Amino acid sequence: MDKKLGKKYQLTDETKEIVVGGKKVVLHRIQALRDIVNDEGIVIVKAGALGGWVESGWWNLSQKGACWIYDEAKVFGRARVCDNARVGGSAAVFQDARVCNNSMVLEHAKVYGRAEVCDSSYVRGDAEVYDRAKLNDMAKVFGQAKVYGQAKLSWGACVYDQAKVYDRADLRASVRVHDQAEVYGKAQLGENAEIFDNARVFEGAYVSGNARVHGNAQVYGDAQVYGFAEIYDNAKVYGGAYVYEESIICGDREVSHGVVCDTGRFISTSANEHGE
């Protein structure tokens, strides 16, 4: 269909220079050559409408699909916007980043490095997604949050406020990380887990179910926290500890190797429990 319709946009004579890494980059404003219609048959850009800015007219924005760059948004370097993706506001997508499918990068957000934002995910506010981070399946990053390294977000995972997710952390299934919380190392979060305040989840820790980690709490090592468990205050769960069901670990308590917590009771096999 796109081949029959031909090119959907052109570069205008309006240009501006920006400096990136000490080098000048010339950007060109785009203009629609025809109505751009989404999958529902709705015209989202009228013929003749001006769009945002690109460095390359053959690479940064695909001539196929309903993808578009709006407002003062910029896409440059080897970055690419394709399928039905949208970039708007004063957002910037650059270096080798990719925004595709029905995803959006809006407001003042930045996506760069080799980051990928796909499958109806979005990045907005002052958030940044970079390095080799990947967002899939309706993942969301907003506020002043940062997702980087080789972190992965999928299936509705949400990172916002000033939270950070990095290294090889893997978040999925409606997880929420917010406030100033951090998730890193090879930590995995799933199934509605929530990490907030100044909490940290790192190394090979696993938090899932409806578990909550908050306050200044830390979960790390190979520890697993799941069910409706709650870890908060200055508590630490680490080593090979398992905390599950409706257990609560709080105060300055520490739970480490071999300890299994079941609805608030401690069942120990070569147990270590500290901070009582």
Protein backbone atom coordinates (compact mmCIF):
# COMPACT_ATOMS: atom_id res chain seq x y z
CA MET A 1 0.00 0.00 0.00
CA ASP A 2 2.79 2.43 0.91
CA LYS A 3 4.58 1.67 -2.36
CA LYS A 4 1.49 2.64 -4.34
CA LEU A 5 1.06 5.82 -2.33
CA GLY A 6 4.70 6.84 -2.67
CA LYS A 7 6.71 9.01 -0.30
CA LYS A 8 4.79 10.41 2.63
CA TYR A 9 7.10 13.28 3.57
CA GLN A 10 9.86 15.50 2.31
CA LEU A 11 12.57 17.68 3.80
CA THR A 12 11.81 21.39 3.75
CA ASP A 13 14.31 24.22 3.32
CA GLU A 14 13.97 25.03 7.01
CA THR A 15 17.07 23.88 8.84
CA LYS A 16 18.78 24.31 12.19
CA GLU A 17 22.12 23.34 13.65
CA ILE A 18 22.67 21.56 16.92
CA VAL A 19 25.96 20.57 18.54
CA VAL A 20 26.35 16.95 19.60
CA GLY A 21 29.60 15.73 21.09
CA GLY A 22 31.36 18.86 19.88
CA LYS A 23 30.18 18.34 16.29
CA LYS A 24 27.59 20.34 14.39
CA VAL A 25 24.58 18.43 13.10
CA VAL A 26 22.23 19.97 10.53
CA LEU A 27 18.58 19.07 11.00
CA HIS A 28 15.77 19.52 8.46
CA ARG A 29 12.11 20.08 9.24
CA ILE A 30 9.80 17.55 7.56
CA GLN A 31 6.52 18.11 5.74
CA ALA A 32 3.82 15.60 4.89
CA LEU A 33 3.27 15.04 1.15
CA ARG A 34 -0.05 13.28 1.68
CA ASP A 35 -2.51 12.41 4.44
CA ILE A 36 -1.00 9.87 6.81
CA VAL A 37 -3.54 7.33 7.99
CA ASN A 38 -3.18 4.92 10.93
CA ASP A 39 -4.35 1.28 11.08
CA GLU A 40 -7.85 2.38 12.14
CA GLY A 41 -8.21 4.51 9.02
CA ILE A 42 -7.92 7.77 10.94
CA VAL A 43 -5.94 10.62 9.40
CA ILE A 44 -3.30 11.56 11.97
CA VAL A 45 -1.31 13.98 9.80
CA LYS A 46 -2.81 16.13 7.04
CA ALA A 47 -1.04 16.63 3.72
CA GLY A 48 1.10 19.74 3.92
CA ALA A 49 1.48 19.62 7.70
CA LEU A 50 4.91 20.39 9.09
CA GLY A 51 6.53 17.94 11.43
CA GLY A 52 9.64 17.76 13.57
CA TRP A 53 13.27 17.46 12.63
CA VAL A 54 15.50 14.81 11.05
CA GLU A 55 19.09 14.66 9.95
CA SER A 56 18.49 12.10 7.20
CA GLY A 57 15.46 12.02 4.93
CA TRP A 58 16.02 8.42 3.95
CA TRP A 59 16.83 6.83 7.32
CA ASN A 60 15.62 8.65 10.45
CA LEU A 61 11.89 8.41 9.66
CA SER A 62 10.47 5.58 7.58
CA GLN A 63 8.47 6.51 4.50
CA LYS A 64 6.21 3.55 5.30
CA GLY A 65 3.55 3.13 7.97
CA ALA A 66 1.97 5.90 10.04
CA CYS A 67 5.08 6.84 12.01
CA TRP A 68 5.65 10.56 12.42
CA ILE A 69 7.78 13.15 14.18
CA TYR A 70 5.78 16.03 15.65
CA ASP A 71 6.38 19.47 17.09
CA GLU A 72 10.04 20.23 17.85
CA ALA A 73 11.10 16.62 18.32
CA LYS A 74 14.42 15.57 16.79
CA VAL A 75 15.62 12.28 15.33
CA PHE A 76 19.20 12.15 14.12
CA GLY A 77 22.38 10.11 13.82
CA ARG A 78 21.58 6.50 12.89
CA ALA A 79 18.38 6.53 14.94
CA ARG A 80 15.22 5.29 13.25
CA VAL A 81 11.48 5.73 13.78
CA CYS A 82 9.31 3.25 11.93
CA ASP A 83 5.98 1.37 11.74
CA ASN A 84 3.35 3.46 13.58
CA ALA A 85 5.66 5.01 16.19
CA ARG A 86 5.43 8.67 17.20
CA VAL A 87 7.99 11.11 18.54
CA GLY A 88 6.73 14.49 19.74
CA GLY A 89 7.15 17.48 22.01
CA SER A 90 10.84 18.32 22.26
CA ALA A 91 11.90 14.68 22.58
CA ALA A 92 15.15 13.47 21.03
CA VAL A 93 15.98 10.08 19.53
CA PHE A 94 19.55 9.74 18.37
CA GLN A 95 22.73 7.71 17.95
CA ASP A 96 21.57 4.17 16.99
CA ALA A 97 18.28 4.10 18.90
CA ARG A 98 15.09 2.64 17.45
CA VAL A 99 11.44 3.47 18.12
CA CYS A 100 8.97 1.18 16.39
CA ASN A 101 5.53 -0.44 16.28
CA ASN A 102 3.02 1.80 18.08
CA SER A 103 5.47 3.21 20.60
CA MET A 104 5.82 6.87 21.61
CA VAL A 105 8.61 9.13 22.81
CA LEU A 106 7.13 12.41 24.03
CA GLU A 107 7.68 15.66 25.90
CA HIS A 108 11.39 16.07 26.83
CA ALA A 109 12.32 12.39 26.80
CA LYS A 110 15.55 11.06 25.28
CA VAL A 111 16.21 7.68 23.71
CA TYR A 112 19.73 7.05 22.51
CA GLY A 113 22.67 4.67 22.32
CA ARG A 114 21.36 1.38 20.93
CA ALA A 115 18.17 1.50 22.96
CA GLU A 116 14.93 0.11 21.54
CA VAL A 117 11.38 1.21 22.35
CA CYS A 118 8.87 -1.18 20.77
CA ASP A 119 5.44 -2.80 21.04
CA SER A 120 3.29 0.12 22.21
CA SER A 121 5.76 1.20 24.90
CA TYR A 122 6.31 4.84 25.75
CA VAL A 123 8.93 7.18 27.17
CA ARG A 124 7.89 10.66 28.27
CA GLY A 125 8.56 13.52 30.67
CA ASP A 126 12.30 13.98 31.24
CA ALA A 127 12.97 10.24 31.20
CA GLU A 128 15.96 8.71 29.45
CA VAL A 129 16.41 5.27 27.91
CA TYR A 130 19.86 4.54 26.58
CA ASP A 131 22.79 2.15 26.09
CA ARG A 132 21.28 -1.20 25.02
CA ALA A 133 18.12 -0.98 27.12
CA LYS A 134 14.96 -2.44 25.61
CA LEU A 135 11.30 -1.62 26.19
CA ASN A 136 8.70 -4.05 24.84
CA ASP A 137 5.03 -4.92 25.27
CA MET A 138 3.61 -1.66 26.66
CA ALA A 139 6.48 -0.83 29.02
CA LYS A 140 6.45 2.74 30.39
CA VAL A 141 9.22 5.07 31.52
CA PHE A 142 8.42 8.63 32.58
CA GLY A 143 9.15 11.39 35.07
CA GLN A 144 12.92 11.68 35.48
CA ALA A 145 13.49 7.94 35.43
CA LYS A 146 16.46 6.34 33.69
CA VAL A 147 16.71 2.90 32.13
CA TYR A 148 20.08 1.93 30.74
CA GLY A 149 22.80 -0.69 30.45
CA GLN A 150 21.19 -3.85 29.09
CA ALA A 151 18.05 -3.54 31.18
CA LYS A 152 14.80 -4.93 29.81
CA LEU A 153 11.23 -3.84 30.51
CA SER A 154 8.22 -5.71 29.16
CA TRP A 155 4.55 -6.58 29.69
CA GLY A 156 3.49 -3.29 31.21
CA ALA A 157 6.50 -2.77 33.50
CA CYS A 158 6.61 0.84 34.66
CA VAL A 159 9.54 2.96 35.88
CA TYR A 160 8.94 6.55 36.93
CA ASP A 161 9.78 9.47 39.24
CA GLN A 162 13.58 9.40 39.72
CA ALA A 163 13.94 5.64 39.71
CA LYS A 164 16.79 3.88 37.91
CA VAL A 165 16.91 0.46 36.29
CA TYR A 166 20.20 -0.64 34.79
CA ASP A 167 22.83 -3.34 34.22
CA ARG A 168 20.98 -6.53 33.19
CA ALA A 169 17.88 -6.02 35.30
CA ASP A 170 14.74 -7.61 33.84
CA LEU A 171 11.28 -6.20 34.69
CA ARG A 172 8.00 -7.59 33.43
CA ALA A 173 4.32 -8.16 34.15
CA SER A 174 3.04 -4.83 35.52
CA VAL A 175 6.00 -4.22 37.84
CA ARG A 176 6.35 -0.69 39.25
CA VAL A 177 9.62 0.96 40.25
CA HIS A 178 9.34 4.56 41.40
CA ASP A 179 10.44 7.32 43.76
CA GLN A 180 14.25 6.98 44.03
CA ALA A 181 14.37 3.20 43.98
CA GLU A 182 17.00 1.34 41.98
CA VAL A 183 17.02 -2.10 40.39
CA TYR A 184 20.27 -3.36 38.91
CA GLY A 185 22.72 -6.22 38.51
CA LYS A 186 20.85 -9.28 37.24
CA ALA A 187 17.79 -8.66 39.39
CA GLN A 188 14.43 -9.84 38.10
CA LEU A 189 11.02 -8.39 38.93
CA GLY A 190 7.66 -9.78 37.88
CA GLU A 191 3.92 -10.13 38.53
CA ASN A 192 2.92 -6.79 40.06
CA ALA A 193 5.95 -6.35 42.33
CA GLU A 194 6.50 -2.78 43.53
CA ILE A 195 9.83 -1.21 44.50
CA PHE A 196 9.75 2.35 45.80
CA ASP A 197 11.11 4.98 48.22
CA ASN A 198 14.90 4.44 48.37
CA ALA A 199 14.79 0.67 48.13
CA ARG A 200 17.39 -1.35 46.23
CA VAL A 201 17.04 -4.70 44.49
CA PHE A 202 20.22 -5.98 42.92
CA GLU A 203 22.65 -8.80 42.15
CA GLY A 204 20.60 -11.93 41.35
CA ALA A 205 17.57 -11.14 43.50
CA TYR A 206 14.05 -12.05 42.39
CA VAL A 207 10.92 -10.17 43.51
CA SER A 208 7.48 -11.08 42.21
CA GLY A 209 3.85 -11.71 43.04
CA ASN A 210 2.46 -8.66 44.79
CA ALA A 211 5.57 -8.22 46.92
CA ARG A 212 6.61 -4.72 47.97
CA VAL A 213 10.09 -3.47 48.83
CA HIS A 214 10.32 0.10 50.11
CA GLY A 215 11.84 2.46 52.65
CA ASN A 216 15.61 1.90 52.65
CA ALA A 217 15.24 -1.85 52.33
CA GLN A 218 17.58 -3.97 50.23
CA VAL A 219 17.05 -7.31 48.53
CA TYR A 220 20.11 -8.84 46.94
CA GLY A 221 22.29 -11.90 46.42
CA ASP A 222 20.08 -14.79 45.26
CA ALA A 223 17.24 -13.87 47.60
CA GLN A 224 13.64 -14.37 46.49
CA VAL A 225 10.68 -12.33 47.70
CA TYR A 226 7.22 -13.12 46.42
CA GLY A 227 3.54 -13.53 47.24
CA PHE A 228 2.28 -10.61 49.34
CA ALA A 229 5.54 -10.23 51.27
CA GLU A 230 6.67 -6.77 52.32
CA ILE A 231 10.22 -5.61 53.05
CA TYR A 232 10.73 -2.09 54.39
CA ASP A 233 12.50 0.27 56.80
CA ASN A 234 16.22 -0.67 56.81
CA ALA A 235 15.62 -4.38 56.43
CA LYS A 236 17.86 -6.57 54.29
CA VAL A 237 17.03 -9.85 52.61
CA TYR A 238 19.97 -11.48 50.89
CA GLY A 239 22.01 -14.61 50.28
CA GLY A 240 19.70 -17.53 49.51
CA ALA A 241 16.78 -16.28 51.64
CA TYR A 242 13.16 -16.89 50.63
CA VAL A 243 10.43 -14.54 51.84
CA TYR A 244 6.92 -15.26 50.71
CA GLU A 245 3.14 -15.26 51.35
CA GLU A 246 2.26 -12.40 53.74
CA SER A 247 5.59 -12.12 55.54
CA ILE A 248 6.79 -8.74 56.78
CA ILE A 249 10.47 -7.99 57.28
CA CYS A 250 11.05 -4.51 58.71
CA GLY A 251 13.08 -2.39 61.11
CA ASP A 252 16.77 -3.32 61.03
CA ARG A 253 16.12 -7.03 60.58
CA GLU A 254 18.33 -9.00 58.24
CA VAL A 255 17.41 -12.33 56.71
CA SER A 256 20.10 -14.28 54.91
CA HIS A 257 21.10 -17.75 53.69
CA GLY A 258 18.79 -20.67 54.21
CA VAL A 259 15.96 -18.83 55.91
CA VAL A 260 12.42 -19.40 54.66
CA CYS A 261 9.77 -16.95 55.86
CA ASP A 262 6.20 -18.19 55.90
CA THR A 263 3.47 -15.75 56.97
CA GLY A 264 5.80 -14.06 59.40
CA ARG A 265 7.34 -17.24 60.86
CA PHE A 266 10.99 -18.13 60.33
CA ILE A 267 11.79 -21.71 59.41
CA SER A 268 15.55 -22.11 59.39
CA THR A 269 17.82 -24.67 57.78
CA SER A 270 21.39 -23.68 58.68
CA ALA A 271 19.70 -20.35 59.25
CA ASN A 272 21.09 -16.89 59.64
CA GLU A 273 18.78 -14.20 60.92
CA HIS A 274 20.18 -10.92 62.16
CA GLY A 275 18.95 -7.70 63.70
CA GLU A 276 16.44 -9.09 66.19
